[in-house]
Amino acid sequence: MRLISLNNNLSFDRIIVIPAKHFGNAVERNKARRRAKEIFRNYEGRISSEQPVEDKGLDYVLVLYPGKVSTFSLLESGFKELLDRSRRK
């Protein structure tokens, strides 16, 4: 799993999830995307649209690699760690 973040000059965060080439079949790719988006949606540290406009949001690109993530809890802990690390920059 790899996370790239860039400033988006908006008042909220956005995410795109990209499974790497050969990430299994379409069902597995879509399941991984849905899981990652749900974790992002429930993440407390991100900037939401209700917060003041002075806070600048980030665009996140999450690249998922095959065989690296097996359970939802592993995906959640790894993803939150990456989000926390990118917020501290």
N, C-alpha and C. Protein backbone atom coordinates (compact mmCIF):
# COMPACT_ATOMS: atom_id res chain seq x y z
N MET A 1 0.85 -1.16 0.00
CA MET A 1 0.00 0.00 0.00
C MET A 1 0.90 1.23 0.00
N ARG A 2 0.55 2.19 -0.83
CA ARG A 2 1.32 3.43 -0.90
C ARG A 2 0.35 4.59 -0.96
N LEU A 3 0.65 5.66 -0.23
CA LEU A 3 -0.22 6.83 -0.18
C LEU A 3 0.56 8.06 -0.62
N ILE A 4 -0.02 8.80 -1.55
CA ILE A 4 0.57 10.04 -2.03
C ILE A 4 -0.43 11.14 -1.70
N SER A 5 0.05 12.27 -1.17
CA SER A 5 -0.86 13.36 -0.84
C SER A 5 -0.36 14.66 -1.44
N LEU A 6 -1.31 15.46 -1.93
CA LEU A 6 -1.02 16.75 -2.52
C LEU A 6 -2.04 17.77 -2.03
N ASN A 7 -1.64 19.03 -1.88
CA ASN A 7 -2.59 20.08 -1.52
C ASN A 7 -3.59 20.28 -2.64
N ASN A 8 -4.87 20.49 -2.28
CA ASN A 8 -5.88 20.69 -3.32
C ASN A 8 -6.53 22.08 -3.26
N ASN A 9 -6.13 22.92 -2.30
CA ASN A 9 -6.66 24.28 -2.15
C ASN A 9 -8.17 24.31 -2.00
N LEU A 10 -8.75 23.25 -1.49
CA LEU A 10 -10.17 23.20 -1.17
C LEU A 10 -10.30 23.07 0.34
N SER A 11 -11.50 23.14 0.83
CA SER A 11 -11.71 23.06 2.28
C SER A 11 -12.02 21.64 2.74
N PHE A 12 -11.76 20.65 1.90
CA PHE A 12 -12.03 19.27 2.27
C PHE A 12 -11.03 18.35 1.58
N ASP A 13 -10.93 17.13 2.11
CA ASP A 13 -10.02 16.12 1.55
C ASP A 13 -10.75 15.27 0.52
N ARG A 14 -9.98 14.76 -0.43
CA ARG A 14 -10.53 13.84 -1.44
C ARG A 14 -9.59 12.65 -1.56
N ILE A 15 -10.12 11.54 -2.08
CA ILE A 15 -9.30 10.33 -2.23
C ILE A 15 -9.62 9.64 -3.54
N ILE A 16 -8.61 9.00 -4.10
CA ILE A 16 -8.79 8.07 -5.21
C ILE A 16 -8.01 6.81 -4.85
N VAL A 17 -8.63 5.66 -5.07
CA VAL A 17 -8.02 4.38 -4.75
C VAL A 17 -7.71 3.66 -6.05
N ILE A 18 -6.46 3.26 -6.23
CA ILE A 18 -6.03 2.61 -7.47
C ILE A 18 -5.40 1.27 -7.14
N PRO A 19 -6.07 0.17 -7.46
CA PRO A 19 -5.41 -1.13 -7.31
C PRO A 19 -4.35 -1.28 -8.40
N ALA A 20 -3.18 -1.78 -8.03
CA ALA A 20 -2.10 -1.95 -8.98
C ALA A 20 -2.46 -3.01 -10.02
N LYS A 21 -1.70 -3.04 -11.08
CA LYS A 21 -1.93 -4.01 -12.14
C LYS A 21 -1.86 -5.42 -11.56
N HIS A 22 -2.71 -6.29 -12.03
CA HIS A 22 -2.78 -7.70 -11.60
C HIS A 22 -3.25 -7.83 -10.15
N PHE A 23 -4.16 -6.97 -9.71
CA PHE A 23 -4.69 -7.02 -8.35
C PHE A 23 -5.85 -8.01 -8.26
N GLY A 24 -5.85 -9.06 -8.92
CA GLY A 24 -6.95 -10.02 -8.84
C GLY A 24 -8.03 -9.68 -9.84
N ASN A 25 -9.21 -10.24 -9.62
CA ASN A 25 -10.31 -9.99 -10.55
C ASN A 25 -11.07 -8.73 -10.15
N ALA A 26 -12.09 -8.38 -10.93
CA ALA A 26 -12.85 -7.15 -10.70
C ALA A 26 -13.52 -7.12 -9.34
N VAL A 27 -14.00 -8.26 -8.87
CA VAL A 27 -14.65 -8.32 -7.56
C VAL A 27 -13.68 -7.95 -6.45
N GLU A 28 -12.47 -8.48 -6.50
CA GLU A 28 -11.45 -8.18 -5.49
C GLU A 28 -11.02 -6.71 -5.54
N ARG A 29 -10.86 -6.17 -6.75
CA ARG A 29 -10.47 -4.76 -6.88
C ARG A 29 -11.55 -3.85 -6.32
N ASN A 30 -12.80 -4.10 -6.66
CA ASN A 30 -13.89 -3.27 -6.18
C ASN A 30 -14.08 -3.38 -4.67
N LYS A 31 -13.90 -4.56 -4.14
CA LYS A 31 -14.00 -4.77 -2.70
C LYS A 31 -12.92 -3.97 -1.97
N ALA A 32 -11.70 -4.00 -2.49
CA ALA A 32 -10.60 -3.24 -1.88
C ALA A 32 -10.87 -1.74 -1.95
N ARG A 33 -11.39 -1.27 -3.09
CA ARG A 33 -11.74 0.16 -3.23
C ARG A 33 -12.80 0.57 -2.22
N ARG A 34 -13.86 -0.23 -2.12
CA ARG A 34 -14.95 0.09 -1.18
C ARG A 34 -14.44 0.12 0.25
N ARG A 35 -13.61 -0.82 0.62
CA ARG A 35 -13.06 -0.87 1.98
C ARG A 35 -12.22 0.37 2.27
N ALA A 36 -11.33 0.72 1.36
CA ALA A 36 -10.46 1.88 1.56
C ALA A 36 -11.26 3.17 1.64
N LYS A 37 -12.26 3.32 0.80
CA LYS A 37 -13.09 4.53 0.83
C LYS A 37 -13.89 4.62 2.12
N GLU A 38 -14.35 3.51 2.63
CA GLU A 38 -15.09 3.51 3.89
C GLU A 38 -14.18 3.88 5.06
N ILE A 39 -12.97 3.37 5.07
CA ILE A 39 -12.01 3.74 6.12
C ILE A 39 -11.73 5.24 6.05
N PHE A 40 -11.53 5.76 4.85
CA PHE A 40 -11.27 7.19 4.68
C PHE A 40 -12.46 8.01 5.14
N ARG A 41 -13.66 7.57 4.83
CA ARG A 41 -14.88 8.29 5.21
C ARG A 41 -15.02 8.37 6.74
N ASN A 42 -14.59 7.32 7.44
CA ASN A 42 -14.72 7.27 8.90
C ASN A 42 -13.50 7.77 9.64
N TYR A 43 -12.46 8.17 8.93
CA TYR A 43 -11.21 8.63 9.55
C TYR A 43 -11.42 9.99 10.20
N GLU A 44 -11.09 10.11 11.49
CA GLU A 44 -11.36 11.32 12.25
C GLU A 44 -10.39 12.46 11.93
N GLY A 45 -9.19 12.14 11.47
CA GLY A 45 -8.16 13.16 11.27
C GLY A 45 -8.28 13.94 9.99
N ARG A 46 -9.16 13.56 9.10
CA ARG A 46 -9.24 14.26 7.82
C ARG A 46 -10.08 15.53 7.94
N ILE A 47 -9.91 16.42 7.00
CA ILE A 47 -10.67 17.67 6.99
C ILE A 47 -12.00 17.41 6.30
N SER A 48 -13.08 17.76 6.95
CA SER A 48 -14.40 17.60 6.35
C SER A 48 -14.88 18.94 5.83
N SER A 49 -15.98 18.94 5.11
CA SER A 49 -16.51 20.18 4.54
C SER A 49 -17.11 21.09 5.60
N GLU A 50 -17.31 20.60 6.84
CA GLU A 50 -17.89 21.43 7.90
C GLU A 50 -16.84 22.28 8.60
N GLN A 51 -15.56 22.00 8.40
CA GLN A 51 -14.51 22.74 9.08
C GLN A 51 -14.26 24.08 8.39
N PRO A 52 -13.59 25.01 9.08
CA PRO A 52 -13.34 26.34 8.51
C PRO A 52 -12.57 26.28 7.19
N VAL A 53 -12.79 27.27 6.36
CA VAL A 53 -12.17 27.32 5.03
C VAL A 53 -10.67 27.56 5.11
N GLU A 54 -10.16 28.10 6.24
CA GLU A 54 -8.74 28.37 6.35
C GLU A 54 -7.91 27.10 6.24
N ASP A 55 -8.48 25.96 6.68
CA ASP A 55 -7.77 24.69 6.58
C ASP A 55 -7.76 24.25 5.12
N LYS A 56 -6.59 23.92 4.63
CA LYS A 56 -6.48 23.45 3.25
C LYS A 56 -6.60 21.94 3.23
N GLY A 57 -7.34 21.44 2.28
CA GLY A 57 -7.52 20.00 2.15
C GLY A 57 -6.40 19.36 1.34
N LEU A 58 -6.43 18.05 1.31
CA LEU A 58 -5.45 17.28 0.56
C LEU A 58 -6.15 16.33 -0.39
N ASP A 59 -5.49 16.04 -1.50
CA ASP A 59 -5.90 14.98 -2.40
C ASP A 59 -5.02 13.78 -2.09
N TYR A 60 -5.63 12.64 -1.83
CA TYR A 60 -4.89 11.42 -1.54
C TYR A 60 -5.02 10.45 -2.71
N VAL A 61 -3.92 9.83 -3.05
CA VAL A 61 -3.90 8.75 -4.03
C VAL A 61 -3.39 7.52 -3.29
N LEU A 62 -4.25 6.51 -3.18
CA LEU A 62 -3.89 5.28 -2.49
C LEU A 62 -3.71 4.19 -3.54
N VAL A 63 -2.50 3.63 -3.60
CA VAL A 63 -2.20 2.55 -4.53
C VAL A 63 -2.15 1.25 -3.73
N LEU A 64 -2.97 0.29 -4.10
CA LEU A 64 -3.02 -1.01 -3.42
C LEU A 64 -2.30 -2.04 -4.26
N TYR A 65 -1.47 -2.83 -3.62
CA TYR A 65 -0.72 -3.88 -4.31
C TYR A 65 -1.28 -5.25 -3.98
N PRO A 66 -1.27 -6.18 -4.92
CA PRO A 66 -1.84 -7.51 -4.68
C PRO A 66 -1.07 -8.29 -3.63
N GLY A 67 -1.81 -9.02 -2.81
CA GLY A 67 -1.20 -9.88 -1.81
C GLY A 67 -0.70 -9.18 -0.57
N LYS A 68 -0.78 -7.86 -0.52
CA LYS A 68 -0.25 -7.11 0.61
C LYS A 68 -1.29 -6.92 1.72
N VAL A 69 -2.58 -6.95 1.37
CA VAL A 69 -3.64 -6.69 2.33
C VAL A 69 -4.57 -7.90 2.34
N SER A 70 -4.77 -8.49 3.53
CA SER A 70 -5.61 -9.67 3.57
C SER A 70 -6.92 -9.45 4.32
N THR A 71 -6.89 -8.68 5.41
CA THR A 71 -8.11 -8.48 6.18
C THR A 71 -8.42 -6.99 6.28
N PHE A 72 -9.67 -6.72 6.64
CA PHE A 72 -10.11 -5.33 6.77
C PHE A 72 -9.34 -4.62 7.88
N SER A 73 -9.09 -5.31 8.98
CA SER A 73 -8.40 -4.67 10.10
C SER A 73 -6.95 -4.30 9.73
N LEU A 74 -6.29 -5.15 8.95
CA LEU A 74 -4.93 -4.81 8.50
C LEU A 74 -4.94 -3.62 7.55
N LEU A 75 -5.91 -3.60 6.65
CA LEU A 75 -6.04 -2.47 5.73
C LEU A 75 -6.32 -1.20 6.51
N GLU A 76 -7.21 -1.29 7.48
CA GLU A 76 -7.58 -0.11 8.26
C GLU A 76 -6.39 0.44 9.06
N SER A 77 -5.66 -0.43 9.74
CA SER A 77 -4.53 0.05 10.55
C SER A 77 -3.43 0.63 9.67
N GLY A 78 -3.12 -0.02 8.56
CA GLY A 78 -2.09 0.49 7.66
C GLY A 78 -2.48 1.80 7.01
N PHE A 79 -3.73 1.91 6.60
CA PHE A 79 -4.21 3.11 5.93
C PHE A 79 -4.25 4.29 6.89
N LYS A 80 -4.72 4.07 8.11
CA LYS A 80 -4.76 5.16 9.09
C LYS A 80 -3.35 5.62 9.45
N GLU A 81 -2.43 4.69 9.52
CA GLU A 81 -1.03 5.05 9.79
C GLU A 81 -0.48 5.94 8.68
N LEU A 82 -0.77 5.58 7.43
CA LEU A 82 -0.31 6.38 6.30
C LEU A 82 -0.96 7.76 6.30
N LEU A 83 -2.26 7.83 6.63
CA LEU A 83 -2.95 9.12 6.68
C LEU A 83 -2.36 10.01 7.77
N ASP A 84 -2.10 9.43 8.94
CA ASP A 84 -1.51 10.21 10.04
C ASP A 84 -0.14 10.74 9.65
N ARG A 85 0.66 9.89 9.01
CA ARG A 85 1.99 10.29 8.58
C ARG A 85 1.94 11.44 7.55
N SER A 86 0.99 11.37 6.63
CA SER A 86 0.89 12.42 5.60
C SER A 86 0.37 13.71 6.19
N ARG A 87 -0.45 13.66 7.23
CA ARG A 87 -0.98 14.86 7.88
C ARG A 87 0.11 15.58 8.67
N ARG A 88 1.11 14.85 9.16
CA ARG A 88 2.17 15.45 9.97
C ARG A 88 3.21 16.20 9.14
N LYS A 89 3.21 16.01 7.83
CA LYS A 89 4.22 16.66 6.97
C LYS A 89 4.15 18.16 7.05
